[in-house]
């Protein structure tokens, strides 16, 4: 069964390099981002986790927890973190799930139910475990992005998408293409003009179904 936008993520009990816990308990009342990786000690993934470590203050500003997933074990994760910290020049304080049994990869629909890890496997055997999932405090999946192994993830876009999701949730708006914090937002079509004026003040009607406004400070 596929995990789609606004579905509740499975409350799996996961083993990490920072202990064992259930995903819902770990998320608590925060936003969360899950970054998945097909194997430890791989070049592109190491650079990505280095950036995740560098952005610790940005995650904290947004009330967001981050967690990794890789289909290797806890001891490998602990060793890998030394490389991550060397590349990123920052402490990797986030947990990494040891998904060597593939429970998370299958539950999040990154691998088929019949998938297994063969002896002498390579990253190609779990290549589709290369996704980003943004999860809300309600434990529902808000966004997912999947990358191939040869293209590093764009963390400016991950932050932008997180800002957009949080703004939409807190302000009852939508965000247009290429939106960044401070830009005009879209008034949902479900809000009529009278209610829009009361809630947002002045707005621009670009098209009958496209109304733009600035958020009040």
C-alpha atoms as a PDB file:
ATOM      1  CA  UNK A   1       0.000   0.000   0.000  1.00  0.00           C
ATOM      2  CA  UNK A   2       1.404   3.380  -1.023  1.00  0.00           C
ATOM      3  CA  UNK A   3       1.982   6.154   1.503  1.00  0.00           C
ATOM      4  CA  UNK A   4       0.468   9.320   0.041  1.00  0.00           C
ATOM      5  CA  UNK A   5       0.278  12.991   0.953  1.00  0.00           C
ATOM      6  CA  UNK A   6      -1.812  13.518   4.123  1.00  0.00           C
ATOM      7  CA  UNK A   7      -1.627   9.833   5.080  1.00  0.00           C
ATOM      8  CA  UNK A   8      -0.566   9.162   8.671  1.00  0.00           C
ATOM      9  CA  UNK A   9       2.929   7.715   8.720  1.00  0.00           C
ATOM     10  CA  UNK A  10       3.288   4.275  10.339  1.00  0.00           C
ATOM     11  CA  UNK A  11       4.212   4.398  14.013  1.00  0.00           C
ATOM     12  CA  UNK A  12       7.123   2.006  13.642  1.00  0.00           C
ATOM     13  CA  UNK A  13       9.486   1.177  16.460  1.00  0.00           C
ATOM     14  CA  UNK A  14      12.935   1.939  15.057  1.00  0.00           C
ATOM     15  CA  UNK A  15      16.476   1.227  16.207  1.00  0.00           C
ATOM     16  CA  UNK A  16      18.881   4.126  15.752  1.00  0.00           C
ATOM     17  CA  UNK A  17      22.403   5.087  16.739  1.00  0.00           C
ATOM     18  CA  UNK A  18      20.725   7.093  19.544  1.00  0.00           C
ATOM     19  CA  UNK A  19      18.480   4.350  20.892  1.00  0.00           C
ATOM     20  CA  UNK A  20      15.168   2.689  20.095  1.00  0.00           C
ATOM     21  CA  UNK A  21      11.854   4.569  19.947  1.00  0.00           C
ATOM     22  CA  UNK A  22       8.542   4.815  18.110  1.00  0.00           C
ATOM     23  CA  UNK A  23       8.380   7.372  15.322  1.00  0.00           C
ATOM     24  CA  UNK A  24       5.262   9.149  16.613  1.00  0.00           C
ATOM     25  CA  UNK A  25       6.784   9.501  20.082  1.00  0.00           C
ATOM     26  CA  UNK A  26       9.999  10.887  18.611  1.00  0.00           C
ATOM     27  CA  UNK A  27       8.152  13.451  16.483  1.00  0.00           C
ATOM     28  CA  UNK A  28       5.998  14.635  19.400  1.00  0.00           C
ATOM     29  CA  UNK A  29       4.551  18.073  18.652  1.00  0.00           C
ATOM     30  CA  UNK A  30       7.288  18.984  16.172  1.00  0.00           C
ATOM     31  CA  UNK A  31       7.588  18.960  12.428  1.00  0.00           C
ATOM     32  CA  UNK A  32       9.958  16.265  11.207  1.00  0.00           C
ATOM     33  CA  UNK A  33      11.995  15.421   8.124  1.00  0.00           C
ATOM     34  CA  UNK A  34      13.112  11.908   7.269  1.00  0.00           C
ATOM     35  CA  UNK A  35      16.067  11.597   4.867  1.00  0.00           C
ATOM     36  CA  UNK A  36      16.632   8.112   3.451  1.00  0.00           C
ATOM     37  CA  UNK A  37      19.825   6.621   2.056  1.00  0.00           C
ATOM     38  CA  UNK A  38      20.544   3.306   0.270  1.00  0.00           C
ATOM     39  CA  UNK A  39      23.804   2.591   2.113  1.00  0.00           C
ATOM     40  CA  UNK A  40      26.332   4.035   4.533  1.00  0.00           C
ATOM     41  CA  UNK A  41      29.726   5.278   3.309  1.00  0.00           C
ATOM     42  CA  UNK A  42      28.442   6.378  -0.103  1.00  0.00           C
ATOM     43  CA  UNK A  43      29.792   9.638  -1.580  1.00  0.00           C
ATOM     44  CA  UNK A  44      26.670  11.638  -2.451  1.00  0.00           C
ATOM     45  CA  UNK A  45      24.834  10.604   0.729  1.00  0.00           C
ATOM     46  CA  UNK A  46      27.792  11.626   2.878  1.00  0.00           C
ATOM     47  CA  UNK A  47      27.771  15.135   1.395  1.00  0.00           C
ATOM     48  CA  UNK A  48      24.014  15.352   1.966  1.00  0.00           C
ATOM     49  CA  UNK A  49      24.181  14.364   5.604  1.00  0.00           C
ATOM     50  CA  UNK A  50      27.043  16.820   6.001  1.00  0.00           C
ATOM     51  CA  UNK A  51      24.658  19.592   4.931  1.00  0.00           C
ATOM     52  CA  UNK A  52      21.928  18.271   7.253  1.00  0.00           C
ATOM     53  CA  UNK A  53      24.442  18.659  10.083  1.00  0.00           C
ATOM     54  CA  UNK A  54      25.399  22.184   8.967  1.00  0.00           C
ATOM     55  CA  UNK A  55      21.735  23.232   9.004  1.00  0.00           C
ATOM     56  CA  UNK A  56      21.037  22.281  12.613  1.00  0.00           C
ATOM     57  CA  UNK A  57      20.213  25.894  13.568  1.00  0.00           C
ATOM     58  CA  UNK A  58      17.819  26.201  10.616  1.00  0.00           C
ATOM     59  CA  UNK A  59      15.932  23.062  11.623  1.00  0.00           C
ATOM     60  CA  UNK A  60      15.717  24.352  15.198  1.00  0.00           C
ATOM     61  CA  UNK A  61      14.355  27.751  14.064  1.00  0.00           C
ATOM     62  CA  UNK A  62      11.541  25.932  12.321  1.00  0.00           C
ATOM     63  CA  UNK A  63      10.731  23.603  15.225  1.00  0.00           C
ATOM     64  CA  UNK A  64      11.733  20.660  13.072  1.00  0.00           C
ATOM     65  CA  UNK A  65      13.456  17.403  13.980  1.00  0.00           C
ATOM     66  CA  UNK A  66      15.505  15.526  11.396  1.00  0.00           C
ATOM     67  CA  UNK A  67      16.190  11.821  11.213  1.00  0.00           C
ATOM     68  CA  UNK A  68      18.088   9.678   8.748  1.00  0.00           C
ATOM     69  CA  UNK A  69      17.377   6.211   7.418  1.00  0.00           C
ATOM     70  CA  UNK A  70      19.936   3.867   5.910  1.00  0.00           C
ATOM     71  CA  UNK A  71      19.704   0.160   5.271  1.00  0.00           C
ATOM     72  CA  UNK A  72      22.810  -0.621   7.325  1.00  0.00           C
ATOM     73  CA  UNK A  73      23.234  -1.317  11.023  1.00  0.00           C
ATOM     74  CA  UNK A  74      23.811   0.884  14.067  1.00  0.00           C
ATOM     75  CA  UNK A  75      27.555   0.269  14.314  1.00  0.00           C
ATOM     76  CA  UNK A  76      28.070   1.316  10.699  1.00  0.00           C
ATOM     77  CA  UNK A  77      25.984   4.451  11.345  1.00  0.00           C
ATOM     78  CA  UNK A  78      28.188   5.423  14.280  1.00  0.00           C
ATOM     79  CA  UNK A  79      31.332   5.012  12.155  1.00  0.00           C
ATOM     80  CA  UNK A  80      29.768   6.823   9.202  1.00  0.00           C
ATOM     81  CA  UNK A  81      28.996   9.835  11.348  1.00  0.00           C
ATOM     82  CA  UNK A  82      32.711  10.529  11.714  1.00  0.00           C
ATOM     83  CA  UNK A  83      32.916  10.892   7.922  1.00  0.00           C
ATOM     84  CA  UNK A  84      29.732  12.988   7.825  1.00  0.00           C
ATOM     85  CA  UNK A  85      31.125  15.380  10.428  1.00  0.00           C
ATOM     86  CA  UNK A  86      34.446  15.614   8.590  1.00  0.00           C
ATOM     87  CA  UNK A  87      32.736  16.498   5.309  1.00  0.00           C
ATOM     88  CA  UNK A  88      30.161  18.827   6.851  1.00  0.00           C
ATOM     89  CA  UNK A  89      32.404  20.435   9.441  1.00  0.00           C
ATOM     90  CA  UNK A  90      29.538  20.200  11.937  1.00  0.00           C
ATOM     91  CA  UNK A  91      28.253  17.822  14.576  1.00  0.00           C
ATOM     92  CA  UNK A  92      25.779  15.236  13.275  1.00  0.00           C
ATOM     93  CA  UNK A  93      23.431  15.344  16.238  1.00  0.00           C
ATOM     94  CA  UNK A  94      20.476  13.715  14.489  1.00  0.00           C
ATOM     95  CA  UNK A  95      19.647   9.995  14.784  1.00  0.00           C
ATOM     96  CA  UNK A  96      19.982   7.549  11.888  1.00  0.00           C
ATOM     97  CA  UNK A  97      17.616   4.586  11.719  1.00  0.00           C
ATOM     98  CA  UNK A  98      19.217   1.183  11.188  1.00  0.00           C
ATOM     99  CA  UNK A  99      16.844  -0.174   8.550  1.00  0.00           C
ATOM    100  CA  UNK A 100      18.754  -3.363   7.787  1.00  0.00           C
ATOM    101  CA  UNK A 101      15.458  -5.276   7.998  1.00  0.00           C
ATOM    102  CA  UNK A 102      13.913  -2.829   5.468  1.00  0.00           C
ATOM    103  CA  UNK A 103      10.824  -2.229   7.625  1.00  0.00           C
ATOM    104  CA  UNK A 104      10.950   1.557   7.183  1.00  0.00           C
ATOM    105  CA  UNK A 105      11.903   1.400   3.503  1.00  0.00           C
ATOM    106  CA  UNK A 106       8.915  -0.835   2.778  1.00  0.00           C
ATOM    107  CA  UNK A 107       6.450   1.005   5.019  1.00  0.00           C
ATOM    108  CA  UNK A 108       7.301   4.297   3.300  1.00  0.00           C
ATOM    109  CA  UNK A 109       6.932   2.594  -0.106  1.00  0.00           C
ATOM    110  CA  UNK A 110      10.569   3.079  -1.094  1.00  0.00           C
ATOM    111  CA  UNK A 111      11.026  -0.663  -1.686  1.00  0.00           C
ATOM    112  CA  UNK A 112       8.504  -3.365  -2.657  1.00  0.00           C
ATOM    113  CA  UNK A 113       7.236  -5.758  -0.005  1.00  0.00           C
ATOM    114  CA  UNK A 114       9.286  -8.644  -1.436  1.00  0.00           C
ATOM    115  CA  UNK A 115      12.599  -6.723  -1.394  1.00  0.00           C
ATOM    116  CA  UNK A 116      15.563  -8.156   0.498  1.00  0.00           C
ATOM    117  CA  UNK A 117      19.250  -7.364   0.908  1.00  0.00           C
ATOM    118  CA  UNK A 118      21.387  -9.907  -0.957  1.00  0.00           C
ATOM    119  CA  UNK A 119      24.830 -10.976   0.188  1.00  0.00           C
ATOM    120  CA  UNK A 120      27.511  -8.652  -1.144  1.00  0.00           C
ATOM    121  CA  UNK A 121      24.909  -6.076  -2.011  1.00  0.00           C
ATOM    122  CA  UNK A 122      25.723  -2.686  -3.496  1.00  0.00           C
ATOM    123  CA  UNK A 123      23.801   0.612  -3.224  1.00  0.00           C
ATOM    124  CA  UNK A 124      22.053  -0.350  -6.481  1.00  0.00           C
ATOM    125  CA  UNK A 125      20.102  -2.993  -4.586  1.00  0.00           C
ATOM    126  CA  UNK A 126      18.376  -0.285  -2.532  1.00  0.00           C
ATOM    127  CA  UNK A 127      18.736   2.644  -4.922  1.00  0.00           C
ATOM    128  CA  UNK A 128      15.152   3.818  -4.443  1.00  0.00           C
ATOM    129  CA  UNK A 129      15.814   4.530  -0.770  1.00  0.00           C
ATOM    130  CA  UNK A 130      16.691   8.120  -1.704  1.00  0.00           C
ATOM    131  CA  UNK A 131      13.709  10.148  -0.519  1.00  0.00           C
ATOM    132  CA  UNK A 132      12.855  13.147   1.626  1.00  0.00           C
ATOM    133  CA  UNK A 133       9.647  13.043   3.665  1.00  0.00           C
ATOM    134  CA  UNK A 134       8.324  16.098   5.509  1.00  0.00           C
ATOM    135  CA  UNK A 135       5.935  15.152   8.311  1.00  0.00           C
ATOM    136  CA  UNK A 136       3.654  17.470  10.260  1.00  0.00           C
ATOM    137  CA  UNK A 137       2.987  17.508  14.012  1.00  0.00           C
ATOM    138  CA  UNK A 138      -0.222  15.609  13.207  1.00  0.00           C
ATOM    139  CA  UNK A 139       2.034  12.730  12.038  1.00  0.00           C
ATOM    140  CA  UNK A 140       0.727  13.099   8.476  1.00  0.00           C
ATOM    141  CA  UNK A 141       3.069  13.120   5.488  1.00  0.00           C
ATOM    142  CA  UNK A 142       3.009  16.595   3.967  1.00  0.00           C
ATOM    143  CA  UNK A 143       5.558  16.259   1.152  1.00  0.00           C
ATOM    144  CA  UNK A 144       7.853  13.714  -0.456  1.00  0.00           C
ATOM    145  CA  UNK A 145      10.714  14.050  -2.927  1.00  0.00           C
ATOM    146  CA  UNK A 146      12.734  11.180  -4.419  1.00  0.00           C
ATOM    147  CA  UNK A 147      16.160  11.530  -6.024  1.00  0.00           C
ATOM    148  CA  UNK A 148      18.392   9.197  -8.038  1.00  0.00           C
ATOM    149  CA  UNK A 149      21.749   8.191  -6.599  1.00  0.00           C
ATOM    150  CA  UNK A 150      23.749  10.489  -8.889  1.00  0.00           C
ATOM    151  CA  UNK A 151      21.980  13.775  -8.048  1.00  0.00           C
ATOM    152  CA  UNK A 152      22.515  15.369  -4.635  1.00  0.00           C
ATOM    153  CA  UNK A 153      19.498  16.788  -2.853  1.00  0.00           C
ATOM    154  CA  UNK A 154      18.907  20.553  -2.892  1.00  0.00           C
ATOM    155  CA  UNK A 155      18.623  21.589   0.732  1.00  0.00           C
ATOM    156  CA  UNK A 156      17.686  25.160  -0.112  1.00  0.00           C
ATOM    157  CA  UNK A 157      14.581  23.623  -1.699  1.00  0.00           C
ATOM    158  CA  UNK A 158      13.942  21.395   1.323  1.00  0.00           C
ATOM    159  CA  UNK A 159      14.017  24.476   3.576  1.00  0.00           C
ATOM    160  CA  UNK A 160      11.862  26.461   1.128  1.00  0.00           C
ATOM    161  CA  UNK A 161       9.295  23.664   0.971  1.00  0.00           C
ATOM    162  CA  UNK A 162       9.275  23.374   4.767  1.00  0.00           C
ATOM    163  CA  UNK A 163       8.717  27.135   5.070  1.00  0.00           C
ATOM    164  CA  UNK A 164       5.877  26.897   2.561  1.00  0.00           C
ATOM    165  CA  UNK A 165       4.201  24.033   4.390  1.00  0.00           C
ATOM    166  CA  UNK A 166       4.483  25.755   7.750  1.00  0.00           C
ATOM    167  CA  UNK A 167       3.192  29.055   6.343  1.00  0.00           C
ATOM    168  CA  UNK A 168       0.269  27.346   4.629  1.00  0.00           C
ATOM    169  CA  UNK A 169      -0.623  25.484   7.815  1.00  0.00           C
ATOM    170  CA  UNK A 170      -0.394  28.481  10.141  1.00  0.00           C
ATOM    171  CA  UNK A 171      -1.864  31.179   7.858  1.00  0.00           C
ATOM    172  CA  UNK A 172      -4.469  29.291   5.838  1.00  0.00           C
ATOM    173  CA  UNK A 173      -2.901  30.231   2.489  1.00  0.00           C
ATOM    174  CA  UNK A 174      -1.102  28.601  -0.421  1.00  0.00           C
ATOM    175  CA  UNK A 175       2.262  29.544  -1.889  1.00  0.00           C
ATOM    176  CA  UNK A 176       2.935  30.194  -5.595  1.00  0.00           C
ATOM    177  CA  UNK A 177       5.797  28.967  -7.756  1.00  0.00           C
ATOM    178  CA  UNK A 178       9.270  29.916  -6.529  1.00  0.00           C
ATOM    179  CA  UNK A 179       7.828  31.378  -3.313  1.00  0.00           C
ATOM    180  CA  UNK A 180      10.161  32.368  -0.493  1.00  0.00           C
ATOM    181  CA  UNK A 181       9.450  33.796   2.936  1.00  0.00           C
ATOM    182  CA  UNK A 182       8.258  37.397   2.579  1.00  0.00           C
ATOM    183  CA  UNK A 183       6.793  36.947  -0.916  1.00  0.00           C
ATOM    184  CA  UNK A 184       3.095  37.342  -1.682  1.00  0.00           C
ATOM    185  CA  UNK A 185       0.905  34.302  -1.059  1.00  0.00           C
ATOM    186  CA  UNK A 186      -2.169  32.834  -2.737  1.00  0.00           C
ATOM    187  CA  UNK A 187      -5.610  33.147  -1.160  1.00  0.00           C
ATOM    188  CA  UNK A 188      -7.376  29.762  -1.397  1.00  0.00           C
ATOM    189  CA  UNK A 189     -10.383  29.639  -3.718  1.00  0.00           C
ATOM    190  CA  UNK A 190     -12.513  28.342  -0.835  1.00  0.00           C
ATOM    191  CA  UNK A 191     -12.272  31.818   0.777  1.00  0.00           C
ATOM    192  CA  UNK A 192     -14.669  34.339  -0.786  1.00  0.00           C
ATOM    193  CA  UNK A 193     -13.662  37.956  -1.467  1.00  0.00           C
ATOM    194  CA  UNK A 194     -15.449  39.350   1.567  1.00  0.00           C
ATOM    195  CA  UNK A 195     -13.802  36.914   3.973  1.00  0.00           C
ATOM    196  CA  UNK A 196     -10.454  37.383   2.216  1.00  0.00           C
ATOM    197  CA  UNK A 197     -10.591  41.151   2.724  1.00  0.00           C
ATOM    198  CA  UNK A 198     -11.484  40.717   6.385  1.00  0.00           C
ATOM    199  CA  UNK A 199      -8.687  38.215   6.967  1.00  0.00           C
ATOM    200  CA  UNK A 200      -5.914  39.554   4.737  1.00  0.00           C
ATOM    201  CA  UNK A 201      -6.841  43.162   3.967  1.00  0.00           C
ATOM    202  CA  UNK A 202      -6.061  44.326   0.432  1.00  0.00           C
ATOM    203  CA  UNK A 203      -5.383  41.729  -2.242  1.00  0.00           C
ATOM    204  CA  UNK A 204      -4.801  41.592  -5.990  1.00  0.00           C
ATOM    205  CA  UNK A 205      -7.131  39.636  -8.252  1.00  0.00           C
ATOM    206  CA  UNK A 206      -4.829  38.406 -11.024  1.00  0.00           C
ATOM    207  CA  UNK A 207      -7.441  35.981 -12.368  1.00  0.00           C
ATOM    208  CA  UNK A 208     -10.886  35.129 -11.000  1.00  0.00           C
ATOM    209  CA  UNK A 209      -9.328  32.096  -9.314  1.00  0.00           C
ATOM    210  CA  UNK A 210      -5.905  33.626  -8.520  1.00  0.00           C
ATOM    211  CA  UNK A 211      -5.750  36.231  -5.765  1.00  0.00           C
ATOM    212  CA  UNK A 212      -2.459  37.363  -4.274  1.00  0.00           C
ATOM    213  CA  UNK A 213      -1.860  39.093  -0.966  1.00  0.00           C
ATOM    214  CA  UNK A 214       0.851  39.945   1.538  1.00  0.00           C
ATOM    215  CA  UNK A 215       0.779  38.304   4.919  1.00  0.00           C
ATOM    216  CA  UNK A 216       0.260  40.623   7.849  1.00  0.00           C
ATOM    217  CA  UNK A 217       3.223  40.935  10.202  1.00  0.00           C
END
